Amino acid sequence: MISRKWMTCDSTCNSCTLMAAACTSSGVALLRISSPTYSIVRNLLRPRRNIPFRGIYKTEGDLVRKNDLLVCQHKMNFHPGLNVYLKRDRGGQLLLKAMTDGHVMITQEKINPDFSIPEMLVYEGMEEVYKLTFNVLPLDMSQSFRLINEI
């Protein structure tokens, strides 16, 4: 009997693995698989390349630039704080990104949920909810300057 499935065989032999095979009473005869079909199947089993890694990208004290990715998450586990904004990715991921250059500070704060965001509706009716928030503290401005022109 010829098996058209991958990794299985319809008879009792155990040697029909990883390739399409024809099981006969005398043994196993391997069938020739065309390479375009094999590469299509192999590429279907691979994950997409553009899936971002979920989790924390920048931790406490790291130096970040404007629009650097701080956190990639599926649910609202981490909330935006000072100088951080929430962006929704095409794949449904929730991204926290930095608005300015600075240092990351992670704190646990009482949140004030924005109910226009669908993920925040779970906090409706709750009084005090404390969550981890990501803040970006801006870099210090220079305190010295050089006078170029006087009016």
N, C-alpha and C. Protein backbone atom coordinates (compact mmCIF):
# COMPACT_ATOMS: atom_id res chain seq x y z
N MET A 1 0.85 -1.17 0.00
CA MET A 1 0.00 0.00 0.00
C MET A 1 0.89 1.23 0.00
N ILE A 2 0.56 2.20 -0.78
CA ILE A 2 1.35 3.42 -0.87
C ILE A 2 0.82 4.44 0.13
N SER A 3 1.74 5.00 0.91
CA SER A 3 1.36 6.00 1.89
C SER A 3 1.70 7.38 1.34
N ARG A 4 0.77 8.26 1.32
CA ARG A 4 1.00 9.61 0.82
C ARG A 4 1.20 10.60 1.96
N LYS A 5 1.20 10.14 3.17
CA LYS A 5 1.40 11.01 4.32
C LYS A 5 2.87 11.03 4.69
N TRP A 6 3.27 12.08 5.35
CA TRP A 6 4.63 12.19 5.85
C TRP A 6 4.71 11.52 7.21
N MET A 7 5.80 10.88 7.52
CA MET A 7 6.14 10.32 8.82
C MET A 7 5.27 9.13 9.22
N THR A 8 4.41 8.61 8.36
CA THR A 8 3.58 7.47 8.75
C THR A 8 3.57 6.44 7.64
N CYS A 9 3.12 5.27 7.99
CA CYS A 9 2.97 4.19 7.03
C CYS A 9 1.74 3.39 7.44
N ASP A 10 1.00 2.84 6.48
CA ASP A 10 -0.24 2.15 6.80
C ASP A 10 -0.02 0.69 7.20
N SER A 11 1.15 0.14 7.01
CA SER A 11 1.38 -1.25 7.39
C SER A 11 2.16 -1.31 8.70
N THR A 12 2.63 -2.47 9.05
CA THR A 12 3.28 -2.65 10.36
C THR A 12 4.77 -2.34 10.34
N CYS A 13 5.35 -2.04 9.20
CA CYS A 13 6.78 -1.75 9.18
C CYS A 13 7.06 -0.39 9.81
N ASN A 14 8.20 -0.24 10.46
CA ASN A 14 8.55 0.99 11.15
C ASN A 14 9.60 1.80 10.42
N SER A 15 9.97 1.39 9.24
CA SER A 15 11.06 2.08 8.55
C SER A 15 10.56 3.16 7.59
N CYS A 16 9.30 3.43 7.54
CA CYS A 16 8.76 4.45 6.64
C CYS A 16 8.71 5.78 7.37
N THR A 17 9.83 6.46 7.46
CA THR A 17 9.85 7.75 8.15
C THR A 17 10.48 8.79 7.26
N LEU A 18 10.07 10.01 7.43
CA LEU A 18 10.63 11.20 6.80
C LEU A 18 10.49 11.28 5.29
N MET A 19 10.00 10.24 4.66
CA MET A 19 9.81 10.30 3.21
C MET A 19 8.54 9.53 2.87
N ALA A 20 7.98 9.85 1.73
CA ALA A 20 6.85 9.05 1.26
C ALA A 20 7.40 7.70 0.85
N ALA A 21 6.71 6.64 1.21
CA ALA A 21 7.25 5.31 0.95
C ALA A 21 6.15 4.40 0.45
N ALA A 22 6.56 3.40 -0.29
CA ALA A 22 5.65 2.35 -0.73
C ALA A 22 6.01 1.10 0.05
N CYS A 23 5.10 0.61 0.85
CA CYS A 23 5.35 -0.59 1.65
C CYS A 23 4.87 -1.80 0.87
N THR A 24 5.76 -2.70 0.67
CA THR A 24 5.41 -3.94 0.00
C THR A 24 5.67 -5.08 0.95
N SER A 25 5.29 -6.28 0.56
CA SER A 25 5.49 -7.43 1.43
C SER A 25 6.97 -7.78 1.54
N SER A 26 7.77 -7.44 0.54
CA SER A 26 9.19 -7.77 0.58
C SER A 26 10.03 -6.71 1.27
N GLY A 27 9.49 -5.53 1.50
CA GLY A 27 10.27 -4.47 2.14
C GLY A 27 9.69 -3.11 1.82
N VAL A 28 10.55 -2.13 1.87
CA VAL A 28 10.12 -0.76 1.67
C VAL A 28 10.80 -0.22 0.42
N ALA A 29 10.03 0.36 -0.47
CA ALA A 29 10.59 1.00 -1.65
C ALA A 29 10.32 2.49 -1.52
N LEU A 30 11.38 3.28 -1.52
CA LEU A 30 11.23 4.73 -1.38
C LEU A 30 10.81 5.34 -2.70
N LEU A 31 9.89 6.26 -2.62
CA LEU A 31 9.43 6.95 -3.81
C LEU A 31 10.25 8.22 -3.99
N ARG A 32 10.42 8.61 -5.22
CA ARG A 32 11.17 9.82 -5.49
C ARG A 32 10.24 11.02 -5.31
N ILE A 33 10.70 11.99 -4.54
CA ILE A 33 9.91 13.19 -4.27
C ILE A 33 10.55 14.34 -5.03
N SER A 34 9.74 15.08 -5.75
CA SER A 34 10.30 16.21 -6.49
C SER A 34 10.76 17.28 -5.51
N SER A 35 11.87 17.93 -5.81
CA SER A 35 12.44 18.91 -4.88
C SER A 35 11.57 20.14 -4.68
N PRO A 36 10.83 20.66 -5.69
CA PRO A 36 9.97 21.82 -5.40
C PRO A 36 8.89 21.49 -4.37
N THR A 37 8.32 20.29 -4.46
CA THR A 37 7.29 19.89 -3.49
C THR A 37 7.90 19.78 -2.11
N TYR A 38 9.08 19.19 -2.02
CA TYR A 38 9.74 19.03 -0.73
C TYR A 38 10.07 20.38 -0.12
N SER A 39 10.55 21.33 -0.92
CA SER A 39 10.90 22.65 -0.37
C SER A 39 9.66 23.42 0.04
N ILE A 40 8.54 23.24 -0.65
CA ILE A 40 7.30 23.91 -0.25
C ILE A 40 6.84 23.39 1.10
N VAL A 41 6.87 22.08 1.27
CA VAL A 41 6.45 21.49 2.55
C VAL A 41 7.40 21.93 3.65
N ARG A 42 8.69 21.94 3.37
CA ARG A 42 9.67 22.33 4.39
C ARG A 42 9.46 23.79 4.80
N ASN A 43 9.16 24.67 3.85
CA ASN A 43 8.94 26.08 4.17
C ASN A 43 7.63 26.30 4.92
N LEU A 44 6.64 25.45 4.69
CA LEU A 44 5.38 25.58 5.42
C LEU A 44 5.55 25.24 6.90
N LEU A 45 6.51 24.40 7.22
CA LEU A 45 6.72 23.99 8.61
C LEU A 45 7.55 24.99 9.39
N ARG A 46 8.21 25.90 8.73
CA ARG A 46 9.04 26.89 9.41
C ARG A 46 8.17 28.03 9.94
N PRO A 47 8.58 28.65 11.06
CA PRO A 47 7.84 29.82 11.53
C PRO A 47 8.14 31.04 10.65
N ARG A 48 7.23 32.03 10.68
CA ARG A 48 7.45 33.25 9.91
C ARG A 48 8.66 33.99 10.46
N ARG A 49 9.37 34.68 9.58
CA ARG A 49 10.57 35.41 10.00
C ARG A 49 10.25 36.70 10.72
N ASN A 50 9.10 37.30 10.43
CA ASN A 50 8.82 38.62 10.98
C ASN A 50 8.08 38.57 12.31
N ILE A 51 8.00 37.40 12.95
CA ILE A 51 7.37 37.32 14.27
C ILE A 51 8.34 37.88 15.29
N PRO A 52 7.95 38.94 16.00
CA PRO A 52 8.87 39.49 17.00
C PRO A 52 8.92 38.61 18.23
N PHE A 53 10.06 38.65 18.90
CA PHE A 53 10.21 37.93 20.15
C PHE A 53 9.35 38.61 21.21
N ARG A 54 8.49 37.83 21.86
CA ARG A 54 7.66 38.40 22.92
C ARG A 54 8.46 38.47 24.20
N GLY A 55 8.35 39.59 24.88
CA GLY A 55 9.03 39.73 26.15
C GLY A 55 9.64 41.11 26.28
N ILE A 56 10.53 41.21 27.26
CA ILE A 56 11.16 42.49 27.58
C ILE A 56 12.44 42.63 26.76
N TYR A 57 12.55 43.73 26.02
CA TYR A 57 13.73 44.00 25.22
C TYR A 57 14.74 44.85 25.99
N LYS A 58 14.27 45.83 26.74
CA LYS A 58 15.15 46.72 27.50
C LYS A 58 14.78 46.61 28.97
N THR A 59 15.79 46.53 29.83
CA THR A 59 15.55 46.38 31.26
C THR A 59 15.94 47.65 32.00
N GLU A 60 15.82 47.61 33.30
CA GLU A 60 16.08 48.75 34.18
C GLU A 60 17.48 49.32 33.94
N GLY A 61 17.56 50.62 33.69
CA GLY A 61 18.84 51.30 33.54
C GLY A 61 19.41 51.32 32.14
N ASP A 62 18.81 50.61 31.19
CA ASP A 62 19.32 50.59 29.82
C ASP A 62 19.10 51.94 29.15
N LEU A 63 20.04 52.32 28.30
CA LEU A 63 19.94 53.55 27.52
C LEU A 63 19.14 53.24 26.25
N VAL A 64 18.10 54.03 26.00
CA VAL A 64 17.26 53.82 24.82
C VAL A 64 17.20 55.09 23.99
N ARG A 65 16.94 54.92 22.72
CA ARG A 65 16.75 56.04 21.79
C ARG A 65 15.27 56.16 21.47
N LYS A 66 14.90 57.22 20.81
CA LYS A 66 13.51 57.43 20.43
C LYS A 66 13.04 56.29 19.53
N ASN A 67 11.84 55.78 19.78
CA ASN A 67 11.19 54.69 19.05
C ASN A 67 11.85 53.33 19.24
N ASP A 68 12.71 53.17 20.24
CA ASP A 68 13.25 51.85 20.56
C ASP A 68 12.16 50.99 21.18
N LEU A 69 12.18 49.70 20.87
CA LEU A 69 11.20 48.76 21.40
C LEU A 69 11.59 48.36 22.81
N LEU A 70 10.68 48.56 23.75
CA LEU A 70 10.92 48.20 25.15
C LEU A 70 10.34 46.83 25.47
N VAL A 71 9.09 46.59 25.06
CA VAL A 71 8.39 45.35 25.38
C VAL A 71 7.51 44.95 24.21
N CYS A 72 7.46 43.65 23.92
CA CYS A 72 6.52 43.08 22.97
C CYS A 72 5.67 42.09 23.76
N GLN A 73 4.35 42.24 23.72
CA GLN A 73 3.48 41.40 24.54
C GLN A 73 2.19 41.12 23.80
N HIS A 74 1.51 40.06 24.24
CA HIS A 74 0.22 39.70 23.64
C HIS A 74 -0.93 40.29 24.44
N LYS A 75 -0.82 40.29 25.76
CA LYS A 75 -1.81 40.90 26.65
C LYS A 75 -1.15 42.04 27.38
N MET A 76 -1.95 42.84 28.07
CA MET A 76 -1.42 44.01 28.78
C MET A 76 -0.79 43.60 30.11
N ASN A 77 0.37 42.96 30.06
CA ASN A 77 1.09 42.62 31.28
C ASN A 77 1.88 43.82 31.79
N PHE A 78 2.42 44.61 30.87
CA PHE A 78 3.21 45.79 31.21
C PHE A 78 2.51 47.01 30.61
N HIS A 79 2.52 48.10 31.35
CA HIS A 79 1.78 49.30 30.93
C HIS A 79 2.75 50.43 30.61
N PRO A 80 2.35 51.34 29.70
CA PRO A 80 3.20 52.49 29.39
C PRO A 80 3.16 53.52 30.51
N GLY A 81 4.30 54.11 30.77
CA GLY A 81 4.40 55.16 31.78
C GLY A 81 4.88 56.45 31.15
N LEU A 82 5.78 57.13 31.85
CA LEU A 82 6.31 58.41 31.40
C LEU A 82 7.16 58.22 30.15
N ASN A 83 6.89 58.98 29.10
CA ASN A 83 7.63 58.98 27.83
C ASN A 83 7.63 57.61 27.14
N VAL A 84 6.56 56.85 27.30
CA VAL A 84 6.41 55.55 26.64
C VAL A 84 5.02 55.52 26.02
N TYR A 85 4.92 54.99 24.78
CA TYR A 85 3.61 54.89 24.14
C TYR A 85 3.33 53.45 23.73
N LEU A 86 2.04 53.16 23.58
CA LEU A 86 1.56 51.83 23.22
C LEU A 86 1.25 51.81 21.73
N LYS A 87 1.74 50.79 21.04
CA LYS A 87 1.49 50.66 19.61
C LYS A 87 1.03 49.24 19.34
N ARG A 88 0.02 49.10 18.50
CA ARG A 88 -0.48 47.78 18.13
C ARG A 88 0.15 47.37 16.81
N ASP A 89 0.76 46.19 16.80
CA ASP A 89 1.42 45.66 15.61
C ASP A 89 0.38 45.03 14.69
N ARG A 90 0.76 44.77 13.43
CA ARG A 90 -0.17 44.14 12.49
C ARG A 90 -0.56 42.74 12.93
N GLY A 91 0.32 42.05 13.63
CA GLY A 91 0.04 40.69 14.09
C GLY A 91 -0.75 40.64 15.38
N GLY A 92 -1.20 41.78 15.88
CA GLY A 92 -1.96 41.80 17.12
C GLY A 92 -1.09 41.96 18.35
N GLN A 93 0.22 42.12 18.16
CA GLN A 93 1.12 42.30 19.30
C GLN A 93 0.97 43.72 19.84
N LEU A 94 1.13 43.86 21.14
CA LEU A 94 1.12 45.17 21.78
C LEU A 94 2.57 45.55 22.08
N LEU A 95 3.01 46.66 21.54
CA LEU A 95 4.40 47.09 21.68
C LEU A 95 4.48 48.34 22.54
N LEU A 96 5.43 48.37 23.46
CA LEU A 96 5.73 49.58 24.21
C LEU A 96 7.00 50.16 23.64
N LYS A 97 6.96 51.43 23.20
CA LYS A 97 8.11 52.08 22.58
C LYS A 97 8.43 53.38 23.29
N ALA A 98 9.69 53.78 23.20
CA ALA A 98 10.15 55.00 23.87
C ALA A 98 9.82 56.23 23.03
N MET A 99 9.35 57.29 23.70
CA MET A 99 9.06 58.56 23.01
C MET A 99 10.30 59.43 22.89
N THR A 100 11.22 59.32 23.84
CA THR A 100 12.42 60.16 23.86
C THR A 100 13.64 59.32 24.17
N ASP A 101 14.81 59.92 24.01
CA ASP A 101 16.05 59.28 24.43
C ASP A 101 16.12 59.34 25.95
N GLY A 102 16.66 58.29 26.56
CA GLY A 102 16.78 58.31 28.01
C GLY A 102 17.10 56.95 28.58
N HIS A 103 16.89 56.82 29.88
CA HIS A 103 17.15 55.58 30.60
C HIS A 103 15.83 54.95 31.02
N VAL A 104 15.77 53.62 30.97
CA VAL A 104 14.55 52.89 31.31
C VAL A 104 14.45 52.75 32.83
N MET A 105 13.25 52.97 33.34
CA MET A 105 12.97 52.72 34.76
C MET A 105 11.66 51.94 34.83
N ILE A 106 11.69 50.78 35.51
CA ILE A 106 10.52 49.94 35.65
C ILE A 106 9.99 50.12 37.07
N THR A 107 8.71 50.48 37.18
CA THR A 107 8.11 50.69 38.50
C THR A 107 6.77 49.96 38.57
N GLN A 108 6.30 49.77 39.79
CA GLN A 108 4.96 49.22 39.99
C GLN A 108 4.08 50.36 40.47
N GLU A 109 3.08 50.69 39.66
CA GLU A 109 2.25 51.85 39.95
C GLU A 109 0.78 51.49 39.85
N LYS A 110 -0.03 52.30 40.52
CA LYS A 110 -1.48 52.18 40.39
C LYS A 110 -1.85 52.73 39.01
N ILE A 111 -2.54 51.92 38.23
CA ILE A 111 -2.84 52.34 36.86
C ILE A 111 -4.16 53.09 36.80
N ASN A 112 -4.24 53.98 35.84
CA ASN A 112 -5.47 54.69 35.51
C ASN A 112 -5.85 54.22 34.11
N PRO A 113 -6.68 53.16 34.00
CA PRO A 113 -6.92 52.54 32.69
C PRO A 113 -7.68 53.44 31.72
N ASP A 114 -7.26 53.37 30.47
CA ASP A 114 -7.93 54.07 29.38
C ASP A 114 -8.90 53.08 28.74
N PHE A 115 -10.19 53.26 28.96
CA PHE A 115 -11.18 52.28 28.52
C PHE A 115 -11.46 52.33 27.02
N SER A 116 -10.81 53.22 26.29
CA SER A 116 -10.94 53.21 24.83
C SER A 116 -10.09 52.08 24.22
N ILE A 117 -9.15 51.55 24.99
CA ILE A 117 -8.34 50.41 24.55
C ILE A 117 -9.07 49.14 24.99
N PRO A 118 -9.37 48.22 24.07
CA PRO A 118 -10.16 47.03 24.42
C PRO A 118 -9.54 46.16 25.51
N GLU A 119 -8.22 46.11 25.59
CA GLU A 119 -7.56 45.28 26.60
C GLU A 119 -7.74 45.83 28.02
N MET A 120 -8.10 47.10 28.14
CA MET A 120 -8.26 47.72 29.46
C MET A 120 -9.64 47.49 30.06
N LEU A 121 -10.57 46.96 29.28
CA LEU A 121 -11.93 46.76 29.78
C LEU A 121 -11.99 45.74 30.91
N VAL A 122 -10.98 44.89 31.06
CA VAL A 122 -10.98 43.91 32.15
C VAL A 122 -10.80 44.59 33.51
N TYR A 123 -10.28 45.82 33.53
CA TYR A 123 -10.06 46.54 34.78
C TYR A 123 -11.27 47.39 35.18
N GLU A 124 -12.34 47.35 34.38
CA GLU A 124 -13.52 48.15 34.68
C GLU A 124 -14.18 47.61 35.95
N GLY A 125 -14.45 48.50 36.87
CA GLY A 125 -15.07 48.12 38.14
C GLY A 125 -14.07 47.82 39.24
N MET A 126 -12.80 47.67 38.91
CA MET A 126 -11.78 47.44 39.93
C MET A 126 -11.30 48.78 40.46
N GLU A 127 -11.08 48.85 41.76
CA GLU A 127 -10.68 50.14 42.35
C GLU A 127 -9.19 50.39 42.24
N GLU A 128 -8.39 49.53 42.86
CA GLU A 128 -6.94 49.74 42.85
C GLU A 128 -6.25 48.57 42.17
N VAL A 129 -5.63 48.85 41.06
CA VAL A 129 -4.89 47.84 40.32
C VAL A 129 -3.47 48.34 40.16
N TYR A 130 -2.51 47.55 40.64
CA TYR A 130 -1.10 47.90 40.52
C TYR A 130 -0.46 47.01 39.46
N LYS A 131 0.20 47.64 38.50
CA LYS A 131 0.85 46.92 37.41
C LYS A 131 2.25 47.47 37.20
N LEU A 132 3.09 46.67 36.53
CA LEU A 132 4.43 47.13 36.17
C LEU A 132 4.32 48.13 35.02
N THR A 133 4.95 49.26 35.19
CA THR A 133 4.94 50.28 34.14
C THR A 133 6.38 50.56 33.70
N PHE A 134 6.53 50.82 32.42
CA PHE A 134 7.83 51.16 31.85
C PHE A 134 7.88 52.66 31.65
N ASN A 135 8.90 53.30 32.22
CA ASN A 135 9.10 54.73 32.10
C ASN A 135 10.45 54.98 31.45
N VAL A 136 10.56 56.07 30.72
CA VAL A 136 11.84 56.49 30.15
C VAL A 136 12.16 57.86 30.73
N LEU A 137 13.23 57.93 31.50
CA LEU A 137 13.67 59.20 32.07
C LEU A 137 14.58 59.88 31.07
N PRO A 138 14.25 61.10 30.63
CA PRO A 138 15.05 61.77 29.60
C PRO A 138 16.47 62.03 30.08
N LEU A 139 17.37 62.11 29.12
CA LEU A 139 18.76 62.42 29.43
C LEU A 139 18.84 63.85 29.96
N ASP A 140 19.82 64.12 30.84
CA ASP A 140 19.97 65.45 31.41
C ASP A 140 20.35 66.45 30.32
N MET A 141 19.73 67.61 30.40
CA MET A 141 20.08 68.68 29.47
C MET A 141 21.40 69.29 29.91
N SER A 142 22.15 69.79 28.99
CA SER A 142 23.41 70.44 29.30
C SER A 142 23.15 71.75 30.04
N GLN A 143 23.92 72.03 31.09
CA GLN A 143 23.72 73.23 31.90
C GLN A 143 24.64 74.37 31.46
N SER A 144 25.51 74.12 30.51
CA SER A 144 26.39 75.18 30.02
C SER A 144 26.03 75.52 28.58
N PHE A 145 26.17 76.78 28.25
CA PHE A 145 25.89 77.19 26.88
C PHE A 145 26.86 78.29 26.50
N ARG A 146 26.97 78.51 25.21
CA ARG A 146 27.85 79.54 24.69
C ARG A 146 26.99 80.59 24.00
N LEU A 147 27.14 81.82 24.40
CA LEU A 147 26.36 82.92 23.82
C LEU A 147 26.91 83.23 22.44
N ILE A 148 26.05 83.12 21.43
CA ILE A 148 26.48 83.39 20.07
C ILE A 148 26.19 84.83 19.68
N ASN A 149 25.01 85.31 20.00
CA ASN A 149 24.59 86.65 19.61
C ASN A 149 23.78 87.27 20.74
N GLU A 150 23.91 88.54 20.90
CA GLU A 150 23.11 89.24 21.90
C GLU A 150 22.24 90.25 21.16
N ILE A 151 20.97 90.29 21.51
CA ILE A 151 20.04 91.18 20.82
C ILE A 151 19.99 92.52 21.50
